[in-house]
């Protein structure tokens, strides 16, 4: 029986659908594992799907003084999360046509726009805790961005490109390339960035209801109904996108489809999910293995990520990295 080949446009649509449909599954699996580590029974792995279905069936309530920005913010953020999978190697080792639209910095800017939209929508509510979470998220985002820039700069120097597909191909080309000291330092710096951006730094639990410790959760306090569903779904998509960047560009760019055959592309989906669950398990263990830190310690954590990225550049040029 002849193999069925997919068109590039179909593969790109499948990449978006993979992030869209399986992001809640990864989030549910991580939440279930976290509960087990804490000695609790925890929610079902499929619980995020039930939550989304329930929220989409509820009414949307809008604060009295909020403008159209409150309604538009979650929609813009969700649209941003749908664009990024077009630029990164989710399922294939070869670049797809739209993969040339933007480099890894372009994808970072789109994720930044999503975060800004959510923060702006939270600021529209006039609710103190929502605004507190919004300002904290923007402040910590400003600390994360220099590390991301230096990591991108370092990897671009090592691989001579900043396109995600070609960075993954360079790391996949040989074991010596993947274990270069400069590459490993850049990988560790990006690992810390993802740890921070997914709310897994042991400052406060990502699902906390303690007002003075909330960051991401505080931004969604005033949303309800379908808008809240878009925010929760978008948060799960962002987490999976960051995992894809970590494993398919930096750490383990193996298991991707090398051809356009339907079987190869479909096989790449469970491989991706397995790697994503593995990364999520590592982050969950880290989050639950340390005592909670004071909030101001987050700046020291991000300074460490930035210094690792700078050290990667120095090693590359001065240490034969």
Protein backbone atom coordinates (compact mmCIF):
# COMPACT_ATOMS: atom_id res chain seq x y z
CA UNK A 1 0.00 0.00 0.00
CA UNK A 2 1.44 3.33 -1.06
CA UNK A 3 2.24 5.85 1.64
CA UNK A 4 -0.01 8.90 1.81
CA UNK A 5 1.90 12.18 1.66
CA UNK A 6 0.52 15.32 3.25
CA UNK A 7 0.79 18.77 1.70
CA UNK A 8 2.92 21.29 3.62
CA UNK A 9 -0.19 23.35 4.39
CA UNK A 10 -1.87 20.29 5.88
CA UNK A 11 1.15 19.55 8.07
CA UNK A 12 1.23 23.13 9.31
CA UNK A 13 -2.46 22.94 10.16
CA UNK A 14 -1.79 19.67 11.98
CA UNK A 15 0.98 21.35 14.00
CA UNK A 16 -1.45 24.03 15.16
CA UNK A 17 -4.10 21.43 15.96
CA UNK A 18 -1.57 19.39 17.94
CA UNK A 19 -0.82 22.36 20.20
CA UNK A 20 -4.49 23.35 20.36
CA UNK A 21 -5.94 19.93 21.18
CA UNK A 22 -3.24 18.35 23.33
CA UNK A 23 -2.15 21.34 25.45
CA UNK A 24 -4.93 20.70 28.04
CA UNK A 25 -3.91 17.02 28.16
CA UNK A 26 -0.31 17.91 29.03
CA UNK A 27 -1.51 20.43 31.61
CA UNK A 28 -3.86 17.85 33.15
CA UNK A 29 -1.14 15.22 33.31
CA UNK A 30 1.24 17.60 35.06
CA UNK A 31 -1.42 18.68 37.55
CA UNK A 32 -2.20 15.04 38.30
CA UNK A 33 1.49 14.25 38.85
CA UNK A 34 1.89 17.28 41.10
CA UNK A 35 -1.00 16.15 43.26
CA UNK A 36 0.51 12.67 43.56
CA UNK A 37 3.84 14.13 44.65
CA UNK A 38 2.00 16.08 47.36
CA UNK A 39 0.18 12.97 48.60
CA UNK A 40 -3.19 13.97 47.15
CA UNK A 41 -5.44 12.09 44.76
CA UNK A 42 -5.59 15.09 42.48
CA UNK A 43 -7.75 15.89 39.46
CA UNK A 44 -8.26 13.58 36.52
CA UNK A 45 -5.82 13.91 33.65
CA UNK A 46 -8.71 14.93 31.37
CA UNK A 47 -10.08 17.44 33.91
CA UNK A 48 -8.93 20.53 31.89
CA UNK A 49 -11.21 19.48 29.03
CA UNK A 50 -14.21 19.25 31.36
CA UNK A 51 -13.35 22.63 32.86
CA UNK A 52 -13.12 24.26 29.43
CA UNK A 53 -16.44 22.76 28.36
CA UNK A 54 -18.10 24.05 31.53
CA UNK A 55 -16.64 27.55 31.13
CA UNK A 56 -17.68 27.85 27.48
CA UNK A 57 -21.25 27.15 28.60
CA UNK A 58 -21.32 29.93 31.18
CA UNK A 59 -22.11 33.62 30.92
CA UNK A 60 -19.44 36.27 30.42
CA UNK A 61 -19.52 39.01 33.06
CA UNK A 62 -17.78 42.32 32.44
CA UNK A 63 -16.63 44.68 35.23
CA UNK A 64 -18.47 47.98 35.38
CA UNK A 65 -15.61 50.25 34.26
CA UNK A 66 -13.94 47.87 31.78
CA UNK A 67 -13.70 48.79 28.10
CA UNK A 68 -13.58 46.66 24.96
CA UNK A 69 -9.92 45.88 25.80
CA UNK A 70 -11.14 43.57 28.57
CA UNK A 71 -13.03 41.52 25.98
CA UNK A 72 -10.39 41.72 23.27
CA UNK A 73 -7.34 40.80 25.38
CA UNK A 74 -8.04 37.06 25.78
CA UNK A 75 -8.96 36.73 22.10
CA UNK A 76 -5.73 38.40 20.93
CA UNK A 77 -3.65 36.25 23.30
CA UNK A 78 -5.34 33.07 22.08
CA UNK A 79 -4.73 34.06 18.45
CA UNK A 80 -1.04 34.65 19.23
CA UNK A 81 -0.72 31.14 20.64
CA UNK A 82 -2.18 29.77 17.40
CA UNK A 83 0.42 31.62 15.29
CA UNK A 84 3.60 30.45 17.06
CA UNK A 85 3.22 26.73 16.07
CA UNK A 86 3.50 27.84 12.45
CA UNK A 87 7.08 29.00 13.10
CA UNK A 88 8.59 26.20 15.19
CA UNK A 89 9.32 22.48 14.61
CA UNK A 90 6.39 20.85 16.36
CA UNK A 91 6.17 17.67 14.27
CA UNK A 92 8.65 17.87 11.37
CA UNK A 93 12.43 18.02 11.14
CA UNK A 94 12.25 19.88 7.81
CA UNK A 95 11.10 23.50 7.55
CA UNK A 96 7.58 24.20 6.41
CA UNK A 97 6.75 27.18 4.13
CA UNK A 98 5.46 29.47 6.89
CA UNK A 99 8.41 28.53 9.09
CA UNK A 100 10.39 31.22 7.28
CA UNK A 101 7.99 33.98 8.36
CA UNK A 102 9.83 34.60 11.61
CA UNK A 103 12.84 33.49 13.61
CA UNK A 104 12.87 32.44 17.24
CA UNK A 105 12.89 36.09 18.31
CA UNK A 106 9.77 36.67 16.23
CA UNK A 107 8.06 33.84 18.07
CA UNK A 108 9.19 35.39 21.35
CA UNK A 109 7.69 38.74 20.35
CA UNK A 110 4.37 37.03 19.55
CA UNK A 111 4.36 35.33 22.95
CA UNK A 112 5.22 38.70 24.49
CA UNK A 113 2.25 40.28 22.70
CA UNK A 114 -0.01 37.58 24.15
CA UNK A 115 1.27 38.25 27.67
CA UNK A 116 0.86 42.00 27.18
CA UNK A 117 -2.74 41.52 25.98
CA UNK A 118 -3.64 39.48 29.05
CA UNK A 119 -1.97 42.01 31.36
CA UNK A 120 -3.73 44.92 29.66
CA UNK A 121 -7.09 43.19 29.97
CA UNK A 122 -6.43 42.63 33.69
CA UNK A 123 -5.49 46.28 34.18
CA UNK A 124 -8.83 47.32 32.65
CA UNK A 125 -10.81 45.81 35.51
CA UNK A 126 -9.77 48.29 38.23
CA UNK A 127 -9.55 45.27 40.56
CA UNK A 128 -6.51 45.61 42.87
CA UNK A 129 -5.43 41.96 42.79
CA UNK A 130 -5.79 41.70 39.02
CA UNK A 131 -3.71 44.83 38.57
CA UNK A 132 -1.16 43.54 41.09
CA UNK A 133 -0.76 40.32 39.10
CA UNK A 134 -0.56 42.30 35.86
CA UNK A 135 2.24 44.58 37.06
CA UNK A 136 4.16 41.67 38.57
CA UNK A 137 3.92 39.69 35.33
CA UNK A 138 5.19 42.63 33.28
CA UNK A 139 8.02 43.31 35.74
CA UNK A 140 9.21 39.72 35.74
CA UNK A 141 8.75 39.58 31.96
CA UNK A 142 11.20 42.47 31.64
CA UNK A 143 13.70 40.41 33.66
CA UNK A 144 13.20 37.34 31.48
CA UNK A 145 13.59 39.10 28.12
CA UNK A 146 17.36 39.85 28.39
CA UNK A 147 18.01 36.18 29.11
CA UNK A 148 15.95 35.13 26.10
CA UNK A 149 17.82 37.59 23.88
CA UNK A 150 21.21 36.33 25.03
CA UNK A 151 20.19 32.68 24.64
CA UNK A 152 18.98 33.38 21.11
CA UNK A 153 22.14 35.32 20.35
CA UNK A 154 24.33 32.50 21.64
CA UNK A 155 22.52 29.76 19.73
CA UNK A 156 22.58 31.90 16.58
CA UNK A 157 26.35 32.25 16.94
CA UNK A 158 26.77 28.51 17.41
CA UNK A 159 24.48 27.43 14.56
CA UNK A 160 24.91 30.54 12.32
CA UNK A 161 21.13 30.98 12.15
CA UNK A 162 18.23 32.05 14.34
CA UNK A 163 15.52 30.08 12.51
CA UNK A 164 14.16 27.38 14.85
CA UNK A 165 14.17 24.63 12.22
CA UNK A 166 17.82 25.15 11.36
CA UNK A 167 18.87 25.51 15.00
CA UNK A 168 17.26 22.12 15.67
CA UNK A 169 18.98 20.65 12.60
CA UNK A 170 22.37 21.90 13.81
CA UNK A 171 21.88 20.34 17.25
CA UNK A 172 20.70 17.12 15.62
CA UNK A 173 23.60 16.93 13.16
CA UNK A 174 26.08 15.39 15.59
CA UNK A 175 26.48 14.53 19.24
CA UNK A 176 29.55 16.75 19.49
CA UNK A 177 27.43 19.72 18.43
CA UNK A 178 24.73 18.92 20.99
CA UNK A 179 27.18 18.63 23.91
CA UNK A 180 29.30 21.69 23.17
CA UNK A 181 29.82 23.64 26.42
CA UNK A 182 28.38 26.83 24.94
CA UNK A 183 25.28 24.98 23.73
CA UNK A 184 24.78 23.28 27.10
CA UNK A 185 25.07 26.59 28.95
CA UNK A 186 22.57 28.21 26.58
CA UNK A 187 20.27 25.21 27.06
CA UNK A 188 20.48 25.54 30.85
CA UNK A 189 19.73 29.27 30.64
CA UNK A 190 16.67 28.61 28.46
CA UNK A 191 15.61 25.83 30.85
CA UNK A 192 15.56 28.40 33.67
CA UNK A 193 13.61 30.82 31.47
CA UNK A 194 10.94 28.20 30.73
CA UNK A 195 10.87 27.25 34.41
CA UNK A 196 10.08 30.86 35.23
CA UNK A 197 7.68 31.51 32.35
CA UNK A 198 5.52 28.49 33.22
CA UNK A 199 5.19 29.52 36.86
CA UNK A 200 7.29 26.67 38.22
CA UNK A 201 9.83 28.72 40.15
CA UNK A 202 9.32 27.93 43.85
CA UNK A 203 8.18 31.45 44.72
CA UNK A 204 4.51 30.55 44.94
CA UNK A 205 2.55 27.70 43.43
CA UNK A 206 1.19 28.46 39.97
CA UNK A 207 -2.36 27.58 41.11
CA UNK A 208 -2.21 29.51 44.36
CA UNK A 209 -5.13 31.49 45.77
CA UNK A 210 -2.97 33.50 48.17
CA UNK A 211 -3.40 37.04 46.94
CA UNK A 212 0.06 38.27 47.85
CA UNK A 213 1.74 35.37 46.09
CA UNK A 214 -0.33 35.20 42.91
CA UNK A 215 1.17 36.29 39.61
CA UNK A 216 -0.42 34.66 36.58
CA UNK A 217 -3.55 33.51 38.37
CA UNK A 218 -4.26 37.04 39.60
CA UNK A 219 -4.55 38.39 36.06
CA UNK A 220 -7.58 36.21 35.35
CA UNK A 221 -9.53 36.81 38.56
CA UNK A 222 -12.11 39.09 36.94
CA UNK A 223 -12.71 36.99 33.82
CA UNK A 224 -15.50 34.46 33.50
CA UNK A 225 -17.25 32.27 30.99
CA UNK A 226 -15.77 31.84 27.49
CA UNK A 227 -13.14 34.56 28.03
CA UNK A 228 -11.83 32.76 31.09
CA UNK A 229 -11.84 29.51 29.08
CA UNK A 230 -9.71 31.16 26.38
CA UNK A 231 -7.25 32.36 29.04
CA UNK A 232 -6.93 28.91 30.63
CA UNK A 233 -6.66 27.20 27.25
CA UNK A 234 -4.12 29.78 26.10
CA UNK A 235 -2.05 29.29 29.25
CA UNK A 236 -1.89 25.54 28.56
CA UNK A 237 -0.94 26.23 24.92
CA UNK A 238 1.82 28.61 25.97
CA UNK A 239 3.23 25.97 28.32
CA UNK A 240 3.30 23.34 25.56
CA UNK A 241 4.84 25.82 23.08
CA UNK A 242 7.67 26.57 25.51
CA UNK A 243 8.18 22.84 26.04
CA UNK A 244 8.37 22.35 22.26
CA UNK A 245 10.99 25.08 21.96
CA UNK A 246 13.01 23.52 24.78
CA UNK A 247 12.92 19.93 23.55
CA UNK A 248 12.62 20.27 19.75
CA UNK A 249 15.02 23.19 19.27
CA UNK A 250 17.52 23.05 22.14
CA UNK A 251 17.53 19.80 24.09
CA UNK A 252 16.20 16.78 22.15
CA UNK A 253 15.29 17.57 18.53
CA UNK A 254 14.82 13.88 17.73
CA UNK A 255 11.68 11.93 16.91
CA UNK A 256 10.43 14.50 14.42
CA UNK A 257 8.99 13.42 11.08
CA UNK A 258 11.62 13.36 8.35
CA UNK A 259 9.16 12.87 5.49
CA UNK A 260 5.70 14.12 4.55
CA UNK A 261 4.05 10.71 4.89
CA UNK A 262 0.93 10.62 7.04
CA UNK A 263 2.27 7.80 9.23
CA UNK A 264 5.54 9.63 10.01
CA UNK A 265 3.77 12.87 10.89
CA UNK A 266 1.18 11.12 13.08
CA UNK A 267 3.91 9.12 14.84
CA UNK A 268 5.62 12.40 15.77
CA UNK A 269 2.58 13.41 17.86
CA UNK A 270 2.86 10.73 20.61
CA UNK A 271 6.65 11.19 20.63
CA UNK A 272 6.18 14.93 21.21
CA UNK A 273 3.65 14.31 23.98
CA UNK A 274 5.97 11.82 25.67
CA UNK A 275 8.82 14.33 25.66
CA UNK A 276 6.49 17.10 26.88
CA UNK A 277 5.27 14.93 29.78
CA UNK A 278 8.90 14.18 30.63
CA UNK A 279 9.84 17.86 30.74
CA UNK A 280 6.70 18.66 32.72
CA UNK A 281 7.56 15.93 35.22
CA UNK A 282 11.04 17.40 35.72
CA UNK A 283 9.58 20.87 36.29
CA UNK A 284 7.00 19.49 38.71
CA UNK A 285 9.63 17.67 40.75
CA UNK A 286 11.74 20.86 40.90
CA UNK A 287 8.74 22.94 41.94
CA UNK A 288 7.79 20.54 44.74
CA UNK A 289 11.32 19.77 45.98
CA UNK A 290 12.24 23.18 47.35
CA UNK A 291 10.84 25.43 50.02
CA UNK A 292 9.01 28.47 48.74
CA UNK A 293 11.19 31.52 48.21
CA UNK A 294 10.47 35.16 48.90
CA UNK A 295 9.09 37.00 45.91
CA UNK A 296 12.11 39.29 45.52
CA UNK A 297 14.32 36.19 45.08
CA UNK A 298 12.89 35.86 41.58
CA UNK A 299 15.19 38.65 40.39
CA UNK A 300 18.21 36.68 41.59
CA UNK A 301 16.95 33.60 39.78
CA UNK A 302 16.59 35.43 36.49
CA UNK A 303 19.99 37.06 36.99
CA UNK A 304 21.45 33.55 37.17
CA UNK A 305 19.78 32.64 33.86
CA UNK A 306 21.14 35.80 32.26
CA UNK A 307 24.68 35.16 33.53
CA UNK A 308 24.56 31.60 32.18
CA UNK A 309 23.65 32.96 28.74
CA UNK A 310 26.49 35.50 28.93
CA UNK A 311 28.88 32.75 30.06
CA UNK A 312 27.86 30.70 27.03
CA UNK A 313 28.99 33.52 24.74
CA UNK A 314 32.29 33.88 26.61
CA UNK A 315 32.92 30.14 26.48
CA UNK A 316 32.14 30.10 22.77
CA UNK A 317 34.75 32.75 21.97
CA UNK A 318 37.32 32.38 24.73
CA UNK A 319 37.09 28.78 25.85
CA UNK A 320 36.77 26.87 22.61
CA UNK A 321 33.11 26.12 23.34
